Amino acid sequence: MRVCLASTSPARLMLLRQAGIEPLTLSPDVDEDAVAAASAEDRGTELLPGELVLLLARAKAADVARRLADEGEFDGLVIGGDSMFALGGRVYGKPYTPEEATRRWREMRGATGVLHSGHSVFRVSPGVAPLEATAVASASVTFADDISDAEIAAYVASGEPLHVAGAFTVDSLGGAFITRVDGDPSTVVGMSLSAIRRLAGELGVRWTDLWS
């Protein structure tokens, strides 16, 4: 049983490898801002964080699943995911700039927010229409209240927080600044392994059959 990760995220790839799965990786061709804007326009309102991450996860997985189905040779699961961090009524994706990452860390210091992770899994088989199962997982994250401005500056200068949802990691340099995680820890890394296992089961695939 093959697995394709519809993402080039190093964190999601690492999670699957640590879980015994060596996936193929393909980058989805999805304009995330355009997908989110179109959905908000259709509904006439902004999406809630859980709705938004699920929408984007589904778009990414569907794009890759369609490409693999068209090729007609892939037999396995396609996994797509998306994550966002909600704090104080705001929803944060990747900060991209040092200035934005610094601003967020000063806001997060001593606070608790929620990391939302959307998951979409497609079962792709030659000659059969792909089947999908989806889920959203959330975990709350509490940050230390004694993080100094100098520590924030050093962390931002490392470059790590610039390209991750919420501007932090729990499994690398940022982990020392986090005091508590409530929920599946892998959700905070980028993808809930327990959610993926459940979705695979809904599609008739046993998790242990995915082990390399």
N, C-alpha and C. Protein backbone atom coordinates (compact mmCIF):
# COMPACT_ATOMS: atom_id res chain seq x y z
N MET A 1 0.84 -1.19 0.00
CA MET A 1 0.00 0.00 0.00
C MET A 1 0.88 1.25 0.00
N ARG A 2 0.79 2.04 -1.06
CA ARG A 2 1.63 3.23 -1.19
C ARG A 2 0.98 4.42 -0.51
N VAL A 3 1.81 5.39 -0.16
CA VAL A 3 1.34 6.63 0.46
C VAL A 3 1.97 7.80 -0.26
N CYS A 4 1.16 8.81 -0.60
CA CYS A 4 1.67 10.04 -1.18
C CYS A 4 1.29 11.19 -0.27
N LEU A 5 2.27 11.95 0.15
CA LEU A 5 2.04 13.14 0.95
C LEU A 5 1.88 14.33 0.00
N ALA A 6 0.70 14.94 0.02
CA ALA A 6 0.43 16.08 -0.87
C ALA A 6 0.96 17.35 -0.22
N SER A 7 2.25 17.37 -0.01
CA SER A 7 2.89 18.48 0.70
C SER A 7 4.40 18.34 0.56
N THR A 8 5.08 19.48 0.66
CA THR A 8 6.54 19.45 0.72
C THR A 8 7.02 19.88 2.11
N SER A 9 6.11 19.82 3.10
CA SER A 9 6.44 20.20 4.47
C SER A 9 7.42 19.22 5.09
N PRO A 10 8.60 19.67 5.50
CA PRO A 10 9.56 18.77 6.15
C PRO A 10 9.00 18.18 7.44
N ALA A 11 8.18 18.96 8.18
CA ALA A 11 7.63 18.47 9.45
C ALA A 11 6.66 17.31 9.21
N ARG A 12 5.78 17.44 8.22
CA ARG A 12 4.83 16.36 7.94
C ARG A 12 5.55 15.12 7.41
N LEU A 13 6.55 15.33 6.58
CA LEU A 13 7.33 14.20 6.09
C LEU A 13 8.03 13.49 7.23
N MET A 14 8.60 14.25 8.16
CA MET A 14 9.28 13.67 9.31
C MET A 14 8.31 12.85 10.16
N LEU A 15 7.10 13.39 10.38
CA LEU A 15 6.11 12.68 11.17
C LEU A 15 5.78 11.31 10.58
N LEU A 16 5.54 11.27 9.27
CA LEU A 16 5.23 9.99 8.64
C LEU A 16 6.40 9.03 8.71
N ARG A 17 7.60 9.54 8.51
CA ARG A 17 8.77 8.67 8.59
C ARG A 17 8.94 8.10 10.00
N GLN A 18 8.72 8.94 11.01
CA GLN A 18 8.83 8.47 12.39
C GLN A 18 7.76 7.44 12.71
N ALA A 19 6.64 7.51 11.99
CA ALA A 19 5.55 6.55 12.19
C ALA A 19 5.73 5.30 11.34
N GLY A 20 6.87 5.18 10.66
CA GLY A 20 7.15 3.97 9.90
C GLY A 20 6.70 4.00 8.46
N ILE A 21 6.37 5.18 7.95
CA ILE A 21 5.86 5.31 6.59
C ILE A 21 6.83 6.15 5.75
N GLU A 22 7.22 5.65 4.61
CA GLU A 22 8.10 6.38 3.69
C GLU A 22 7.28 6.79 2.47
N PRO A 23 6.75 8.02 2.46
CA PRO A 23 5.83 8.40 1.38
C PRO A 23 6.53 9.01 0.18
N LEU A 24 5.83 8.93 -0.94
CA LEU A 24 6.12 9.77 -2.09
C LEU A 24 5.63 11.17 -1.72
N THR A 25 6.32 12.21 -2.18
CA THR A 25 5.86 13.57 -1.91
C THR A 25 5.63 14.30 -3.22
N LEU A 26 4.49 14.97 -3.31
CA LEU A 26 4.16 15.78 -4.48
C LEU A 26 3.62 17.12 -3.98
N SER A 27 4.04 18.20 -4.61
CA SER A 27 3.58 19.53 -4.22
C SER A 27 2.25 19.82 -4.91
N PRO A 28 1.21 20.14 -4.15
CA PRO A 28 -0.07 20.46 -4.78
C PRO A 28 -0.02 21.80 -5.48
N ASP A 29 -0.74 21.91 -6.58
CA ASP A 29 -0.81 23.15 -7.34
C ASP A 29 -2.10 23.87 -6.92
N VAL A 30 -2.04 24.53 -5.77
CA VAL A 30 -3.23 25.16 -5.19
C VAL A 30 -2.88 26.58 -4.75
N ASP A 31 -3.68 27.55 -5.19
CA ASP A 31 -3.55 28.92 -4.73
C ASP A 31 -4.41 29.05 -3.47
N GLU A 32 -3.78 28.93 -2.31
CA GLU A 32 -4.52 28.86 -1.05
C GLU A 32 -5.32 30.13 -0.79
N ASP A 33 -4.75 31.28 -1.07
CA ASP A 33 -5.46 32.54 -0.85
C ASP A 33 -6.71 32.62 -1.73
N ALA A 34 -6.58 32.18 -2.98
CA ALA A 34 -7.71 32.24 -3.90
C ALA A 34 -8.81 31.28 -3.48
N VAL A 35 -8.42 30.08 -3.02
CA VAL A 35 -9.41 29.09 -2.57
C VAL A 35 -10.17 29.63 -1.36
N ALA A 36 -9.45 30.20 -0.40
CA ALA A 36 -10.08 30.73 0.80
C ALA A 36 -10.99 31.91 0.47
N ALA A 37 -10.53 32.80 -0.41
CA ALA A 37 -11.32 33.98 -0.77
C ALA A 37 -12.59 33.57 -1.50
N ALA A 38 -12.50 32.60 -2.40
CA ALA A 38 -13.67 32.16 -3.15
C ALA A 38 -14.71 31.54 -2.23
N SER A 39 -14.25 30.75 -1.26
CA SER A 39 -15.18 30.13 -0.33
C SER A 39 -15.86 31.17 0.56
N ALA A 40 -15.08 32.15 1.03
CA ALA A 40 -15.65 33.21 1.87
C ALA A 40 -16.67 34.03 1.09
N GLU A 41 -16.38 34.27 -0.19
CA GLU A 41 -17.31 35.03 -1.03
C GLU A 41 -18.61 34.26 -1.24
N ASP A 42 -18.50 32.95 -1.47
CA ASP A 42 -19.69 32.12 -1.67
C ASP A 42 -20.57 32.11 -0.43
N ARG A 43 -19.93 32.07 0.74
CA ARG A 43 -20.68 31.99 1.99
C ARG A 43 -21.10 33.35 2.51
N GLY A 44 -20.43 34.38 2.04
CA GLY A 44 -20.73 35.72 2.51
C GLY A 44 -20.17 36.02 3.87
N THR A 45 -19.22 35.19 4.33
CA THR A 45 -18.60 35.41 5.64
C THR A 45 -17.26 34.69 5.69
N GLU A 46 -16.39 35.13 6.59
CA GLU A 46 -15.10 34.47 6.75
C GLU A 46 -15.29 33.08 7.35
N LEU A 47 -14.43 32.15 6.99
CA LEU A 47 -14.50 30.81 7.53
C LEU A 47 -13.89 30.76 8.93
N LEU A 48 -14.41 29.88 9.76
CA LEU A 48 -13.80 29.62 11.06
C LEU A 48 -12.49 28.87 10.84
N PRO A 49 -11.56 28.93 11.81
CA PRO A 49 -10.25 28.28 11.61
C PRO A 49 -10.34 26.81 11.21
N GLY A 50 -11.19 26.04 11.89
CA GLY A 50 -11.32 24.62 11.55
C GLY A 50 -11.84 24.41 10.14
N GLU A 51 -12.77 25.27 9.72
CA GLU A 51 -13.32 25.17 8.37
C GLU A 51 -12.27 25.53 7.32
N LEU A 52 -11.47 26.52 7.62
CA LEU A 52 -10.46 26.98 6.67
C LEU A 52 -9.37 25.94 6.46
N VAL A 53 -8.85 25.36 7.54
CA VAL A 53 -7.78 24.38 7.38
C VAL A 53 -8.29 23.12 6.68
N LEU A 54 -9.55 22.77 6.91
CA LEU A 54 -10.10 21.60 6.23
C LEU A 54 -10.30 21.89 4.75
N LEU A 55 -10.79 23.08 4.43
CA LEU A 55 -10.96 23.47 3.03
C LEU A 55 -9.64 23.38 2.27
N LEU A 56 -8.56 23.91 2.86
CA LEU A 56 -7.27 23.92 2.18
C LEU A 56 -6.66 22.52 2.12
N ALA A 57 -6.83 21.74 3.18
CA ALA A 57 -6.32 20.37 3.16
C ALA A 57 -6.99 19.57 2.05
N ARG A 58 -8.30 19.74 1.90
CA ARG A 58 -9.04 19.03 0.87
C ARG A 58 -8.61 19.46 -0.53
N ALA A 59 -8.37 20.77 -0.70
CA ALA A 59 -7.95 21.26 -2.02
C ALA A 59 -6.60 20.68 -2.40
N LYS A 60 -5.68 20.63 -1.46
CA LYS A 60 -4.34 20.10 -1.74
C LYS A 60 -4.38 18.61 -2.06
N ALA A 61 -5.07 17.85 -1.21
CA ALA A 61 -5.13 16.40 -1.43
C ALA A 61 -5.87 16.07 -2.72
N ALA A 62 -6.95 16.81 -3.00
CA ALA A 62 -7.73 16.53 -4.22
C ALA A 62 -6.91 16.78 -5.47
N ASP A 63 -6.11 17.83 -5.47
CA ASP A 63 -5.28 18.13 -6.64
C ASP A 63 -4.30 17.01 -6.92
N VAL A 64 -3.61 16.54 -5.88
CA VAL A 64 -2.63 15.47 -6.08
C VAL A 64 -3.33 14.16 -6.39
N ALA A 65 -4.44 13.86 -5.71
CA ALA A 65 -5.17 12.61 -5.98
C ALA A 65 -5.65 12.57 -7.42
N ARG A 66 -6.12 13.69 -7.93
CA ARG A 66 -6.59 13.73 -9.31
C ARG A 66 -5.45 13.47 -10.29
N ARG A 67 -4.29 14.06 -10.03
CA ARG A 67 -3.14 13.84 -10.91
C ARG A 67 -2.70 12.39 -10.90
N LEU A 68 -2.67 11.78 -9.73
CA LEU A 68 -2.26 10.38 -9.63
C LEU A 68 -3.30 9.46 -10.25
N ALA A 69 -4.56 9.78 -10.08
CA ALA A 69 -5.62 8.96 -10.67
C ALA A 69 -5.55 9.02 -12.19
N ASP A 70 -5.24 10.19 -12.73
CA ASP A 70 -5.13 10.34 -14.19
C ASP A 70 -3.99 9.51 -14.75
N GLU A 71 -2.92 9.38 -13.96
CA GLU A 71 -1.78 8.56 -14.41
C GLU A 71 -2.16 7.09 -14.47
N GLY A 72 -3.08 6.66 -13.58
CA GLY A 72 -3.62 5.31 -13.63
C GLY A 72 -2.75 4.22 -13.06
N GLU A 73 -1.68 4.56 -12.35
CA GLU A 73 -0.80 3.52 -11.82
C GLU A 73 -0.73 3.50 -10.29
N PHE A 74 -1.07 4.59 -9.65
CA PHE A 74 -0.93 4.69 -8.20
C PHE A 74 -2.05 3.92 -7.50
N ASP A 75 -1.67 3.15 -6.49
CA ASP A 75 -2.64 2.41 -5.67
C ASP A 75 -2.28 2.64 -4.21
N GLY A 76 -3.03 3.50 -3.54
CA GLY A 76 -2.71 3.79 -2.15
C GLY A 76 -3.46 5.00 -1.63
N LEU A 77 -2.86 5.67 -0.65
CA LEU A 77 -3.48 6.83 -0.01
C LEU A 77 -2.75 8.11 -0.36
N VAL A 78 -3.52 9.17 -0.55
CA VAL A 78 -2.98 10.52 -0.70
C VAL A 78 -3.39 11.31 0.54
N ILE A 79 -2.42 11.94 1.19
CA ILE A 79 -2.68 12.66 2.44
C ILE A 79 -2.39 14.14 2.25
N GLY A 80 -3.38 14.97 2.56
CA GLY A 80 -3.20 16.41 2.50
C GLY A 80 -3.49 17.03 3.85
N GLY A 81 -2.81 18.12 4.16
CA GLY A 81 -3.03 18.77 5.45
C GLY A 81 -2.80 20.26 5.39
N ASP A 82 -3.36 20.96 6.37
CA ASP A 82 -3.13 22.39 6.50
C ASP A 82 -3.30 22.76 7.96
N SER A 83 -2.52 23.74 8.42
CA SER A 83 -2.57 24.13 9.84
C SER A 83 -2.61 25.64 9.98
N MET A 84 -3.31 26.09 11.02
CA MET A 84 -3.34 27.50 11.38
C MET A 84 -3.45 27.62 12.90
N PHE A 85 -2.97 28.75 13.41
CA PHE A 85 -2.94 28.97 14.85
C PHE A 85 -3.85 30.13 15.20
N ALA A 86 -4.75 29.91 16.16
CA ALA A 86 -5.70 30.94 16.57
C ALA A 86 -5.33 31.43 17.96
N LEU A 87 -5.26 32.75 18.10
CA LEU A 87 -4.91 33.36 19.39
C LEU A 87 -5.58 34.73 19.49
N GLY A 88 -6.31 34.93 20.58
CA GLY A 88 -6.92 36.23 20.81
C GLY A 88 -7.85 36.70 19.72
N GLY A 89 -8.60 35.76 19.13
CA GLY A 89 -9.54 36.13 18.09
C GLY A 89 -8.92 36.30 16.72
N ARG A 90 -7.61 36.08 16.59
CA ARG A 90 -6.94 36.18 15.29
C ARG A 90 -6.47 34.80 14.86
N VAL A 91 -6.38 34.61 13.54
CA VAL A 91 -5.92 33.35 12.98
C VAL A 91 -4.62 33.61 12.22
N TYR A 92 -3.61 32.81 12.54
CA TYR A 92 -2.29 33.02 11.97
C TYR A 92 -1.83 31.81 11.15
N GLY A 93 -1.37 32.10 9.94
CA GLY A 93 -0.67 31.09 9.16
C GLY A 93 0.83 31.30 9.35
N LYS A 94 1.58 31.28 8.27
CA LYS A 94 3.03 31.48 8.36
C LYS A 94 3.34 32.98 8.37
N PRO A 95 4.27 33.43 9.20
CA PRO A 95 4.56 34.87 9.27
C PRO A 95 5.40 35.39 8.11
N TYR A 96 6.31 34.58 7.61
CA TYR A 96 7.18 34.90 6.47
C TYR A 96 8.24 35.95 6.74
N THR A 97 7.94 36.99 7.50
CA THR A 97 8.93 38.04 7.74
C THR A 97 9.37 38.05 9.20
N PRO A 98 10.62 38.45 9.47
CA PRO A 98 11.09 38.55 10.86
C PRO A 98 10.25 39.50 11.70
N GLU A 99 9.81 40.59 11.10
CA GLU A 99 9.03 41.58 11.83
C GLU A 99 7.71 40.99 12.32
N GLU A 100 7.03 40.25 11.44
CA GLU A 100 5.76 39.65 11.81
C GLU A 100 5.97 38.53 12.83
N ALA A 101 7.01 37.73 12.66
CA ALA A 101 7.29 36.66 13.62
C ALA A 101 7.58 37.23 15.00
N THR A 102 8.32 38.32 15.06
CA THR A 102 8.63 38.96 16.34
C THR A 102 7.37 39.50 17.00
N ARG A 103 6.52 40.14 16.22
CA ARG A 103 5.27 40.68 16.76
C ARG A 103 4.41 39.57 17.35
N ARG A 104 4.32 38.45 16.63
CA ARG A 104 3.50 37.34 17.11
C ARG A 104 4.06 36.75 18.40
N TRP A 105 5.37 36.60 18.48
CA TRP A 105 5.95 36.00 19.68
C TRP A 105 5.76 36.89 20.90
N ARG A 106 5.79 38.17 20.73
CA ARG A 106 5.52 39.07 21.86
C ARG A 106 4.07 38.94 22.30
N GLU A 107 3.18 38.68 21.35
CA GLU A 107 1.78 38.48 21.69
C GLU A 107 1.55 37.11 22.33
N MET A 108 2.27 36.09 21.86
CA MET A 108 2.08 34.73 22.36
C MET A 108 2.70 34.51 23.74
N ARG A 109 3.67 35.31 24.11
CA ARG A 109 4.37 35.15 25.38
C ARG A 109 3.37 35.13 26.54
N GLY A 110 3.35 34.01 27.29
CA GLY A 110 2.46 33.86 28.43
C GLY A 110 1.02 33.55 28.07
N ALA A 111 0.72 33.36 26.81
CA ALA A 111 -0.66 33.15 26.36
C ALA A 111 -0.88 31.70 25.93
N THR A 112 -2.14 31.36 25.71
CA THR A 112 -2.52 30.04 25.21
C THR A 112 -3.35 30.21 23.95
N GLY A 113 -2.99 29.50 22.91
CA GLY A 113 -3.73 29.53 21.66
C GLY A 113 -4.06 28.12 21.22
N VAL A 114 -4.74 28.01 20.09
CA VAL A 114 -5.17 26.70 19.59
C VAL A 114 -4.64 26.50 18.17
N LEU A 115 -3.96 25.37 17.97
CA LEU A 115 -3.47 25.00 16.65
C LEU A 115 -4.51 24.09 16.00
N HIS A 116 -5.04 24.51 14.87
CA HIS A 116 -6.04 23.74 14.12
C HIS A 116 -5.35 23.08 12.92
N SER A 117 -5.59 21.80 12.75
CA SER A 117 -4.98 21.06 11.64
C SER A 117 -6.05 20.30 10.87
N GLY A 118 -6.17 20.61 9.58
CA GLY A 118 -7.12 19.92 8.72
C GLY A 118 -6.47 18.76 8.00
N HIS A 119 -7.21 17.68 7.81
CA HIS A 119 -6.69 16.46 7.18
C HIS A 119 -7.64 15.96 6.11
N SER A 120 -7.10 15.62 4.97
CA SER A 120 -7.88 15.00 3.90
C SER A 120 -7.09 13.80 3.38
N VAL A 121 -7.74 12.65 3.35
CA VAL A 121 -7.10 11.43 2.86
C VAL A 121 -7.94 10.85 1.72
N PHE A 122 -7.31 10.61 0.59
CA PHE A 122 -7.98 10.00 -0.56
C PHE A 122 -7.46 8.59 -0.77
N ARG A 123 -8.36 7.67 -1.03
CA ARG A 123 -7.99 6.32 -1.46
C ARG A 123 -8.04 6.31 -2.98
N VAL A 124 -6.86 6.15 -3.59
CA VAL A 124 -6.74 6.17 -5.04
C VAL A 124 -6.38 4.78 -5.54
N SER A 125 -7.18 4.26 -6.47
CA SER A 125 -6.92 2.95 -7.07
C SER A 125 -7.13 3.06 -8.58
N PRO A 126 -6.34 2.33 -9.38
CA PRO A 126 -6.51 2.39 -10.84
C PRO A 126 -7.92 2.00 -11.27
N GLY A 127 -8.53 2.83 -12.09
CA GLY A 127 -9.83 2.51 -12.64
C GLY A 127 -11.00 2.74 -11.71
N VAL A 128 -10.75 3.30 -10.51
CA VAL A 128 -11.81 3.51 -9.54
C VAL A 128 -11.81 4.98 -9.12
N ALA A 129 -12.98 5.58 -8.99
CA ALA A 129 -13.05 6.97 -8.56
C ALA A 129 -12.49 7.11 -7.14
N PRO A 130 -11.62 8.09 -6.89
CA PRO A 130 -11.04 8.26 -5.55
C PRO A 130 -12.11 8.49 -4.49
N LEU A 131 -11.87 7.95 -3.29
CA LEU A 131 -12.75 8.13 -2.14
C LEU A 131 -12.02 8.99 -1.11
N GLU A 132 -12.77 9.85 -0.41
CA GLU A 132 -12.14 10.78 0.53
C GLU A 132 -12.71 10.64 1.93
N ALA A 133 -11.84 10.85 2.92
CA ALA A 133 -12.26 10.95 4.32
C ALA A 133 -11.54 12.16 4.91
N THR A 134 -12.22 12.92 5.78
CA THR A 134 -11.64 14.15 6.30
C THR A 134 -11.82 14.27 7.81
N ALA A 135 -10.98 15.10 8.41
CA ALA A 135 -11.09 15.35 9.85
C ALA A 135 -10.32 16.61 10.20
N VAL A 136 -10.72 17.25 11.28
CA VAL A 136 -10.00 18.39 11.84
C VAL A 136 -9.58 18.02 13.26
N ALA A 137 -8.33 18.28 13.59
CA ALA A 137 -7.83 18.05 14.94
C ALA A 137 -7.32 19.38 15.49
N SER A 138 -7.47 19.56 16.80
CA SER A 138 -7.02 20.80 17.43
C SER A 138 -6.27 20.49 18.71
N ALA A 139 -5.31 21.32 19.04
CA ALA A 139 -4.55 21.18 20.27
C ALA A 139 -4.22 22.57 20.80
N SER A 140 -4.37 22.76 22.09
CA SER A 140 -4.03 24.06 22.68
C SER A 140 -2.56 24.09 23.07
N VAL A 141 -1.95 25.25 22.92
CA VAL A 141 -0.52 25.42 23.17
C VAL A 141 -0.34 26.62 24.10
N THR A 142 0.40 26.40 25.21
CA THR A 142 0.67 27.47 26.16
C THR A 142 2.15 27.82 26.12
N PHE A 143 2.43 29.11 26.04
CA PHE A 143 3.80 29.59 25.93
C PHE A 143 4.29 30.14 27.27
N ALA A 144 5.58 29.99 27.53
CA ALA A 144 6.17 30.49 28.78
C ALA A 144 5.97 31.99 28.89
N ASP A 145 5.79 32.45 30.13
CA ASP A 145 5.56 33.88 30.33
C ASP A 145 6.83 34.66 30.60
N ASP A 146 7.97 33.96 30.66
CA ASP A 146 9.23 34.64 30.97
C ASP A 146 10.19 34.69 29.78
N ILE A 147 9.65 34.54 28.57
CA ILE A 147 10.49 34.60 27.37
C ILE A 147 10.95 36.05 27.19
N SER A 148 12.25 36.24 27.11
CA SER A 148 12.78 37.60 26.99
C SER A 148 12.76 38.07 25.53
N ASP A 149 12.83 39.38 25.36
CA ASP A 149 12.92 39.93 24.00
C ASP A 149 14.17 39.43 23.30
N ALA A 150 15.26 39.22 24.05
CA ALA A 150 16.50 38.73 23.46
C ALA A 150 16.32 37.30 22.95
N GLU A 151 15.57 36.48 23.70
CA GLU A 151 15.32 35.11 23.25
C GLU A 151 14.44 35.11 22.01
N ILE A 152 13.45 35.98 21.98
CA ILE A 152 12.59 36.08 20.80
C ILE A 152 13.42 36.49 19.59
N ALA A 153 14.29 37.47 19.77
CA ALA A 153 15.12 37.94 18.67
C ALA A 153 16.02 36.83 18.15
N ALA A 154 16.60 36.06 19.06
CA ALA A 154 17.49 34.96 18.66
C ALA A 154 16.72 33.87 17.94
N TYR A 155 15.52 33.57 18.42
CA TYR A 155 14.71 32.53 17.78
C TYR A 155 14.29 32.97 16.38
N VAL A 156 13.85 34.21 16.26
CA VAL A 156 13.46 34.71 14.95
C VAL A 156 14.66 34.72 14.00
N ALA A 157 15.83 35.09 14.51
CA ALA A 157 17.04 35.14 13.68
C ALA A 157 17.44 33.75 13.18
N SER A 158 17.01 32.69 13.90
CA SER A 158 17.33 31.33 13.45
C SER A 158 16.61 30.99 12.15
N GLY A 159 15.54 31.71 11.85
CA GLY A 159 14.77 31.47 10.63
C GLY A 159 13.69 30.42 10.78
N GLU A 160 13.73 29.66 11.86
CA GLU A 160 12.77 28.57 12.02
C GLU A 160 11.31 29.01 12.03
N PRO A 161 10.96 30.09 12.72
CA PRO A 161 9.53 30.42 12.81
C PRO A 161 8.93 31.08 11.59
N LEU A 162 9.72 31.42 10.60
CA LEU A 162 9.21 32.21 9.49
C LEU A 162 8.28 31.44 8.56
N HIS A 163 8.45 30.13 8.47
CA HIS A 163 7.71 29.35 7.48
C HIS A 163 6.91 28.22 8.10
N VAL A 164 6.45 28.43 9.34
CA VAL A 164 5.60 27.44 10.00
C VAL A 164 4.36 28.13 10.55
N ALA A 165 3.25 27.41 10.58
CA ALA A 165 2.00 27.99 11.06
C ALA A 165 2.14 28.46 12.49
N GLY A 166 1.72 29.70 12.74
CA GLY A 166 1.79 30.25 14.07
C GLY A 166 3.14 30.78 14.48
N ALA A 167 4.15 30.59 13.66
CA ALA A 167 5.52 31.08 13.92
C ALA A 167 6.22 30.30 15.02
N PHE A 168 5.84 29.02 15.21
CA PHE A 168 6.54 28.23 16.23
C PHE A 168 6.55 26.75 15.86
N THR A 169 7.48 26.03 16.45
CA THR A 169 7.53 24.58 16.38
C THR A 169 7.53 24.05 17.80
N VAL A 170 7.08 22.81 17.96
CA VAL A 170 7.12 22.18 19.28
C VAL A 170 8.21 21.11 19.32
N ASP A 171 8.71 20.73 18.16
CA ASP A 171 9.64 19.60 18.07
C ASP A 171 11.06 20.03 17.71
N SER A 172 11.33 21.33 17.76
CA SER A 172 12.67 21.79 17.42
C SER A 172 13.03 22.96 18.35
N LEU A 173 13.62 24.02 17.81
CA LEU A 173 14.10 25.11 18.65
C LEU A 173 13.00 25.76 19.48
N GLY A 174 11.81 25.84 18.92
CA GLY A 174 10.71 26.51 19.62
C GLY A 174 10.17 25.73 20.80
N GLY A 175 10.47 24.45 20.89
CA GLY A 175 9.90 23.62 21.95
C GLY A 175 10.23 24.08 23.36
N ALA A 176 11.39 24.70 23.55
CA ALA A 176 11.81 25.14 24.88
C ALA A 176 10.96 26.29 25.40
N PHE A 177 10.24 26.97 24.53
CA PHE A 177 9.42 28.11 24.94
C PHE A 177 7.96 27.73 25.17
N ILE A 178 7.64 26.45 25.02
CA ILE A 178 6.27 25.96 25.18
C ILE A 178 6.18 25.18 26.48
N THR A 179 5.22 25.53 27.32
CA THR A 179 5.10 24.88 28.63
C THR A 179 4.03 23.81 28.68
N ARG A 180 3.09 23.84 27.75
CA ARG A 180 2.01 22.85 27.81
C ARG A 180 1.36 22.68 26.44
N VAL A 181 1.02 21.42 26.13
CA VAL A 181 0.25 21.10 24.93
C VAL A 181 -0.89 20.19 25.36
N ASP A 182 -2.12 20.57 25.07
CA ASP A 182 -3.29 19.74 25.36
C ASP A 182 -3.88 19.26 24.04
N GLY A 183 -3.79 17.96 23.82
CA GLY A 183 -4.25 17.37 22.56
C GLY A 183 -3.16 16.51 21.97
N ASP A 184 -3.42 15.93 20.83
CA ASP A 184 -2.44 15.09 20.14
C ASP A 184 -1.21 15.94 19.80
N PRO A 185 -0.03 15.62 20.37
CA PRO A 185 1.15 16.45 20.11
C PRO A 185 1.51 16.54 18.63
N SER A 186 1.25 15.49 17.87
CA SER A 186 1.61 15.53 16.45
C SER A 186 0.78 16.55 15.68
N THR A 187 -0.39 16.91 16.23
CA THR A 187 -1.20 17.95 15.61
C THR A 187 -0.43 19.26 15.55
N VAL A 188 0.32 19.55 16.62
CA VAL A 188 1.08 20.79 16.70
C VAL A 188 2.28 20.75 15.76
N VAL A 189 2.81 19.57 15.51
CA VAL A 189 3.92 19.44 14.57
C VAL A 189 3.44 19.70 13.14
N GLY A 190 2.19 19.36 12.85
CA GLY A 190 1.68 19.64 11.52
C GLY A 190 0.62 18.70 11.00
N MET A 191 0.42 17.57 11.71
CA MET A 191 -0.55 16.59 11.23
C MET A 191 -0.82 15.58 12.35
N SER A 192 -2.08 15.33 12.65
CA SER A 192 -2.42 14.38 13.70
C SER A 192 -2.33 12.96 13.17
N LEU A 193 -1.37 12.21 13.68
CA LEU A 193 -1.22 10.82 13.22
C LEU A 193 -2.42 9.98 13.62
N SER A 194 -2.99 10.25 14.79
CA SER A 194 -4.16 9.47 15.20
C SER A 194 -5.35 9.76 14.28
N ALA A 195 -5.48 11.00 13.83
CA ALA A 195 -6.55 11.34 12.89
C ALA A 195 -6.33 10.66 11.54
N ILE A 196 -5.09 10.67 11.06
CA ILE A 196 -4.79 10.01 9.78
C ILE A 196 -5.05 8.51 9.87
N ARG A 197 -4.68 7.91 10.98
CA ARG A 197 -4.93 6.47 11.17
C ARG A 197 -6.43 6.18 11.09
N ARG A 198 -7.24 7.02 11.76
CA ARG A 198 -8.69 6.82 11.75
C ARG A 198 -9.26 6.99 10.35
N LEU A 199 -8.79 7.99 9.63
CA LEU A 199 -9.29 8.23 8.28
C LEU A 199 -8.91 7.09 7.33
N ALA A 200 -7.69 6.57 7.49
CA ALA A 200 -7.28 5.42 6.68
C ALA A 200 -8.22 4.24 6.93
N GLY A 201 -8.57 4.03 8.21
CA GLY A 201 -9.49 2.95 8.54
C GLY A 201 -10.86 3.14 7.92
N GLU A 202 -11.34 4.39 7.87
CA GLU A 202 -12.63 4.67 7.24
C GLU A 202 -12.61 4.33 5.76
N LEU A 203 -11.42 4.39 5.16
CA LEU A 203 -11.28 4.07 3.74
C LEU A 203 -10.89 2.62 3.51
N GLY A 204 -10.94 1.82 4.58
CA GLY A 204 -10.69 0.39 4.46
C GLY A 204 -9.23 0.00 4.46
N VAL A 205 -8.37 0.87 4.96
CA VAL A 205 -6.93 0.61 4.96
C VAL A 205 -6.43 0.50 6.40
N ARG A 206 -5.78 -0.60 6.72
CA ARG A 206 -5.22 -0.79 8.05
C ARG A 206 -3.91 -0.03 8.17
N TRP A 207 -3.76 0.73 9.25
CA TRP A 207 -2.60 1.59 9.46
C TRP A 207 -1.29 0.82 9.33
N THR A 208 -1.21 -0.35 9.92
CA THR A 208 0.04 -1.12 9.91
C THR A 208 0.42 -1.59 8.50
N ASP A 209 -0.55 -1.61 7.58
CA ASP A 209 -0.21 -1.98 6.20
C ASP A 209 0.52 -0.85 5.48
N LEU A 210 0.56 0.34 6.10
CA LEU A 210 1.25 1.47 5.49
C LEU A 210 2.72 1.53 5.91
N TRP A 211 3.07 0.74 6.90
CA TRP A 211 4.47 0.76 7.36
C TRP A 211 5.41 0.29 6.25
N SER A 212 6.52 0.97 6.12
CA SER A 212 7.50 0.64 5.07
C SER A 212 8.16 -0.71 5.38
